[in-house]
Amino acid sequence: MKADAALKAVAKDLLEGQKFGVLATRSGEAPYLSLVAFAAAPDISRVYFATARATSKFANLKADGRVTVLVDSRSNSESDLENAAALSIFGEAREVGEDAREGGLTLFLAKHPSLEKFARSPQTAFFEVRVQKYILVRRFGQVDIF
């Protein structure tokens, strides 16, 4: 993924600074939104999250892996109009098999140690989003795509 170093730095800071994002999956009637704990790879080319297998989110992901994840820095105050940033992450999500999951899981658990039991449960699926595109919105209208 090639991008201006300054844009990548802003995106990386946002991904490192936030613990949760909103995952949009595709459902039959409308987009389906879910709050997820996530972690990003150091080069921000991948984003990882876990979900229980017995969820609509999991069923949606198995049917269609195209996703968007929104990560933002809002504080729910007036200053957000000038200071908040929102990063939309577009990509393809796939369940990571046991043989390949340890690297992403290590990143995920470093950020969310309290979720270890959940993340390692057989009833939990661990997903990797291969990032295809980022859209970064800052200062209530400055849009950068990379």
C-alpha atoms as a PDB file:
ATOM      1  CA  MET A   1       0.000   0.000   0.000  1.00  0.00           C
ATOM      2  CA  LYS A   2       1.619   3.256  -1.150  1.00  0.00           C
ATOM      3  CA  ALA A   3       0.587   6.478   0.527  1.00  0.00           C
ATOM      4  CA  ASP A   4       2.041   9.757   1.573  1.00  0.00           C
ATOM      5  CA  ALA A   5       4.090   9.172   4.733  1.00  0.00           C
ATOM      6  CA  ALA A   6       2.243  11.914   6.625  1.00  0.00           C
ATOM      7  CA  LEU A   7      -1.164  10.373   5.839  1.00  0.00           C
ATOM      8  CA  LYS A   8       0.028   6.927   6.877  1.00  0.00           C
ATOM      9  CA  ALA A   9       1.355   8.410  10.117  1.00  0.00           C
ATOM     10  CA  VAL A  10      -2.021  10.003  10.915  1.00  0.00           C
ATOM     11  CA  ALA A  11      -3.812   6.736  10.124  1.00  0.00           C
ATOM     12  CA  LYS A  12      -1.344   4.705  12.185  1.00  0.00           C
ATOM     13  CA  ASP A  13      -1.713   7.046  15.178  1.00  0.00           C
ATOM     14  CA  LEU A  14      -5.497   6.718  14.979  1.00  0.00           C
ATOM     15  CA  LEU A  15      -5.344   2.924  14.684  1.00  0.00           C
ATOM     16  CA  GLU A  16      -2.937   2.656  17.610  1.00  0.00           C
ATOM     17  CA  GLY A  17      -4.836   5.143  19.756  1.00  0.00           C
ATOM     18  CA  GLN A  18      -8.303   3.663  19.428  1.00  0.00           C
ATOM     19  CA  LYS A  19      -9.376   0.267  20.731  1.00  0.00           C
ATOM     20  CA  PHE A  20     -12.753  -0.056  19.019  1.00  0.00           C
ATOM     21  CA  GLY A  21     -14.180   0.488  15.586  1.00  0.00           C
ATOM     22  CA  VAL A  22     -17.473   0.000  13.803  1.00  0.00           C
ATOM     23  CA  LEU A  23     -17.499  -2.928  11.394  1.00  0.00           C
ATOM     24  CA  ALA A  24     -19.929  -2.772   8.460  1.00  0.00           C
ATOM     25  CA  THR A  25     -20.783  -6.106   6.868  1.00  0.00           C
ATOM     26  CA  ARG A  26     -23.236  -6.879   4.098  1.00  0.00           C
ATOM     27  CA  SER A  27     -26.588  -8.305   5.011  1.00  0.00           C
ATOM     28  CA  GLY A  28     -29.546  -9.180   2.789  1.00  0.00           C
ATOM     29  CA  GLU A  29     -31.597  -6.108   3.509  1.00  0.00           C
ATOM     30  CA  ALA A  30     -29.131  -3.434   4.626  1.00  0.00           C
ATOM     31  CA  PRO A  31     -25.599  -2.904   5.922  1.00  0.00           C
ATOM     32  CA  TYR A  32     -25.078  -4.491   9.338  1.00  0.00           C
ATOM     33  CA  LEU A  33     -22.987  -2.508  11.842  1.00  0.00           C
ATOM     34  CA  SER A  34     -21.150  -3.932  14.835  1.00  0.00           C
ATOM     35  CA  LEU A  35     -18.777  -2.522  17.414  1.00  0.00           C
ATOM     36  CA  VAL A  36     -15.531  -4.527  17.408  1.00  0.00           C
ATOM     37  CA  ALA A  37     -12.274  -4.505  19.326  1.00  0.00           C
ATOM     38  CA  PHE A  38      -9.471  -4.425  16.764  1.00  0.00           C
ATOM     39  CA  ALA A  39      -5.722  -4.236  16.274  1.00  0.00           C
ATOM     40  CA  ALA A  40      -3.770  -3.177  13.193  1.00  0.00           C
ATOM     41  CA  ALA A  41      -0.559  -4.561  11.754  1.00  0.00           C
ATOM     42  CA  PRO A  42       2.432  -2.220  12.229  1.00  0.00           C
ATOM     43  CA  ASP A  43       2.449  -1.394   8.497  1.00  0.00           C
ATOM     44  CA  ILE A  44      -1.373  -0.809   8.649  1.00  0.00           C
ATOM     45  CA  SER A  45      -1.958  -3.190   5.727  1.00  0.00           C
ATOM     46  CA  ARG A  46      -4.127  -5.470   7.866  1.00  0.00           C
ATOM     47  CA  VAL A  47      -6.657  -5.112  10.671  1.00  0.00           C
ATOM     48  CA  TYR A  48      -7.618  -7.956  13.020  1.00  0.00           C
ATOM     49  CA  PHE A  49     -10.729  -8.646  15.090  1.00  0.00           C
ATOM     50  CA  ALA A  50     -12.510 -11.556  16.758  1.00  0.00           C
ATOM     51  CA  THR A  51     -16.174 -12.471  16.779  1.00  0.00           C
ATOM     52  CA  ALA A  52     -18.301 -15.252  18.153  1.00  0.00           C
ATOM     53  CA  ARG A  53     -19.299 -17.772  15.507  1.00  0.00           C
ATOM     54  CA  ALA A  54     -22.947 -17.655  16.616  1.00  0.00           C
ATOM     55  CA  THR A  55     -23.529 -14.062  15.447  1.00  0.00           C
ATOM     56  CA  SER A  56     -25.110 -12.321  12.476  1.00  0.00           C
ATOM     57  CA  LYS A  57     -21.759 -10.626  11.921  1.00  0.00           C
ATOM     58  CA  PHE A  58     -20.044 -14.003  11.462  1.00  0.00           C
ATOM     59  CA  ALA A  59     -22.748 -15.240   9.061  1.00  0.00           C
ATOM     60  CA  ASN A  60     -22.497 -12.032   7.046  1.00  0.00           C
ATOM     61  CA  LEU A  61     -18.703 -12.309   6.854  1.00  0.00           C
ATOM     62  CA  LYS A  62     -18.850 -15.915   5.661  1.00  0.00           C
ATOM     63  CA  ALA A  63     -21.361 -14.967   2.936  1.00  0.00           C
ATOM     64  CA  ASP A  64     -19.487 -11.844   1.765  1.00  0.00           C
ATOM     65  CA  GLY A  65     -16.091 -10.774   3.045  1.00  0.00           C
ATOM     66  CA  ARG A  66     -16.245  -7.201   1.752  1.00  0.00           C
ATOM     67  CA  VAL A  67     -16.212  -4.878   4.771  1.00  0.00           C
ATOM     68  CA  THR A  68     -15.653  -1.348   5.946  1.00  0.00           C
ATOM     69  CA  VAL A  69     -14.342  -0.509   9.405  1.00  0.00           C
ATOM     70  CA  LEU A  70     -14.739   3.004  10.809  1.00  0.00           C
ATOM     71  CA  VAL A  71     -12.271   4.177  13.446  1.00  0.00           C
ATOM     72  CA  ASP A  72     -12.599   7.702  14.800  1.00  0.00           C
ATOM     73  CA  SER A  73     -11.270  10.017  17.475  1.00  0.00           C
ATOM     74  CA  ARG A  74     -14.432  11.868  18.478  1.00  0.00           C
ATOM     75  CA  SER A  75     -14.886  13.032  22.034  1.00  0.00           C
ATOM     76  CA  ASN A  76     -18.545  14.023  21.660  1.00  0.00           C
ATOM     77  CA  SER A  77     -17.768  17.707  22.080  1.00  0.00           C
ATOM     78  CA  GLU A  78     -17.925  20.821  19.896  1.00  0.00           C
ATOM     79  CA  SER A  79     -14.177  20.628  19.374  1.00  0.00           C
ATOM     80  CA  ASP A  80     -14.759  17.510  17.258  1.00  0.00           C
ATOM     81  CA  LEU A  81     -15.700  19.780  14.352  1.00  0.00           C
ATOM     82  CA  GLU A  82     -12.065  20.858  14.119  1.00  0.00           C
ATOM     83  CA  ASN A  83     -10.156  18.094  15.889  1.00  0.00           C
ATOM     84  CA  ALA A  84     -11.809  14.741  15.284  1.00  0.00           C
ATOM     85  CA  ALA A  85     -10.622  12.399  12.564  1.00  0.00           C
ATOM     86  CA  ALA A  86     -12.459   9.466  11.012  1.00  0.00           C
ATOM     87  CA  LEU A  87     -10.731   6.669   9.141  1.00  0.00           C
ATOM     88  CA  SER A  88     -12.777   4.368   6.903  1.00  0.00           C
ATOM     89  CA  ILE A  89     -10.973   1.127   6.156  1.00  0.00           C
ATOM     90  CA  PHE A  90     -12.170  -0.754   3.072  1.00  0.00           C
ATOM     91  CA  GLY A  91     -11.062  -4.313   2.580  1.00  0.00           C
ATOM     92  CA  GLU A  92     -11.673  -8.004   2.365  1.00  0.00           C
ATOM     93  CA  ALA A  93     -12.141  -9.946   5.605  1.00  0.00           C
ATOM     94  CA  ARG A  94     -11.277 -13.596   5.891  1.00  0.00           C
ATOM     95  CA  GLU A  95     -11.164 -15.961   8.811  1.00  0.00           C
ATOM     96  CA  VAL A  96      -7.583 -16.727   9.764  1.00  0.00           C
ATOM     97  CA  GLY A  97      -6.851 -20.431  10.163  1.00  0.00           C
ATOM     98  CA  GLU A  98      -5.096 -21.868  13.193  1.00  0.00           C
ATOM     99  CA  ASP A  99      -1.795 -22.187  11.327  1.00  0.00           C
ATOM    100  CA  ALA A 100      -1.647 -18.470  10.424  1.00  0.00           C
ATOM    101  CA  ARG A 101      -3.449 -16.711  13.244  1.00  0.00           C
ATOM    102  CA  GLU A 102      -0.741 -16.379  15.897  1.00  0.00           C
ATOM    103  CA  GLY A 103       0.886 -13.209  14.486  1.00  0.00           C
ATOM    104  CA  GLY A 104      -2.377 -11.283  14.274  1.00  0.00           C
ATOM    105  CA  LEU A 105      -3.603 -12.733  17.543  1.00  0.00           C
ATOM    106  CA  THR A 106      -0.421 -11.574  19.293  1.00  0.00           C
ATOM    107  CA  LEU A 107      -1.073  -8.000  18.085  1.00  0.00           C
ATOM    108  CA  PHE A 108      -4.727  -8.238  19.058  1.00  0.00           C
ATOM    109  CA  LEU A 109      -4.029  -9.545  22.570  1.00  0.00           C
ATOM    110  CA  ALA A 110      -1.302  -6.958  23.194  1.00  0.00           C
ATOM    111  CA  LYS A 111      -3.978  -4.305  22.690  1.00  0.00           C
ATOM    112  CA  HIS A 112      -6.824  -6.258  24.346  1.00  0.00           C
ATOM    113  CA  PRO A 113      -5.353  -8.575  26.996  1.00  0.00           C
ATOM    114  CA  SER A 114      -8.697  -8.916  28.776  1.00  0.00           C
ATOM    115  CA  LEU A 115     -10.130 -10.611  25.653  1.00  0.00           C
ATOM    116  CA  GLU A 116      -7.665 -13.533  25.633  1.00  0.00           C
ATOM    117  CA  LYS A 117     -10.146 -16.173  26.814  1.00  0.00           C
ATOM    118  CA  PHE A 118     -12.717 -14.976  24.259  1.00  0.00           C
ATOM    119  CA  ALA A 119     -10.203 -14.718  21.395  1.00  0.00           C
ATOM    120  CA  ARG A 120      -8.799 -18.212  21.984  1.00  0.00           C
ATOM    121  CA  SER A 121     -12.168 -19.915  22.423  1.00  0.00           C
ATOM    122  CA  PRO A 122     -13.204 -22.512  19.802  1.00  0.00           C
ATOM    123  CA  GLN A 123     -16.508 -20.636  19.571  1.00  0.00           C
ATOM    124  CA  THR A 124     -14.665 -17.522  18.396  1.00  0.00           C
ATOM    125  CA  ALA A 125     -13.503 -16.791  14.858  1.00  0.00           C
ATOM    126  CA  PHE A 126     -10.467 -14.585  14.285  1.00  0.00           C
ATOM    127  CA  PHE A 127     -10.559 -12.376  11.183  1.00  0.00           C
ATOM    128  CA  GLU A 128      -8.005 -10.477   9.160  1.00  0.00           C
ATOM    129  CA  VAL A 129      -9.044  -7.554   6.979  1.00  0.00           C
ATOM    130  CA  ARG A 130      -6.683  -7.032   4.061  1.00  0.00           C
ATOM    131  CA  VAL A 131      -6.853  -3.296   3.563  1.00  0.00           C
ATOM    132  CA  GLN A 132      -7.560  -2.155   0.015  1.00  0.00           C
ATOM    133  CA  LYS A 133      -8.174   1.538   0.660  1.00  0.00           C
ATOM    134  CA  TYR A 134      -8.324   4.128   3.424  1.00  0.00           C
ATOM    135  CA  ILE A 135     -10.427   7.288   3.484  1.00  0.00           C
ATOM    136  CA  LEU A 136      -9.330   9.765   6.144  1.00  0.00           C
ATOM    137  CA  VAL A 137     -11.601  12.688   7.011  1.00  0.00           C
ATOM    138  CA  ARG A 138     -10.265  15.487   9.208  1.00  0.00           C
ATOM    139  CA  ARG A 139     -11.257  19.028  10.096  1.00  0.00           C
ATOM    140  CA  PHE A 140     -14.881  18.320   9.188  1.00  0.00           C
ATOM    141  CA  GLY A 141     -14.319  17.995   5.462  1.00  0.00           C
ATOM    142  CA  GLN A 142     -10.675  17.444   4.534  1.00  0.00           C
ATOM    143  CA  VAL A 143     -10.755  14.090   2.735  1.00  0.00           C
ATOM    144  CA  ASP A 144      -7.737  12.003   1.786  1.00  0.00           C
ATOM    145  CA  ILE A 145      -7.913   8.655  -0.011  1.00  0.00           C
ATOM    146  CA  PHE A 146      -4.963   6.281   0.028  1.00  0.00           C
END
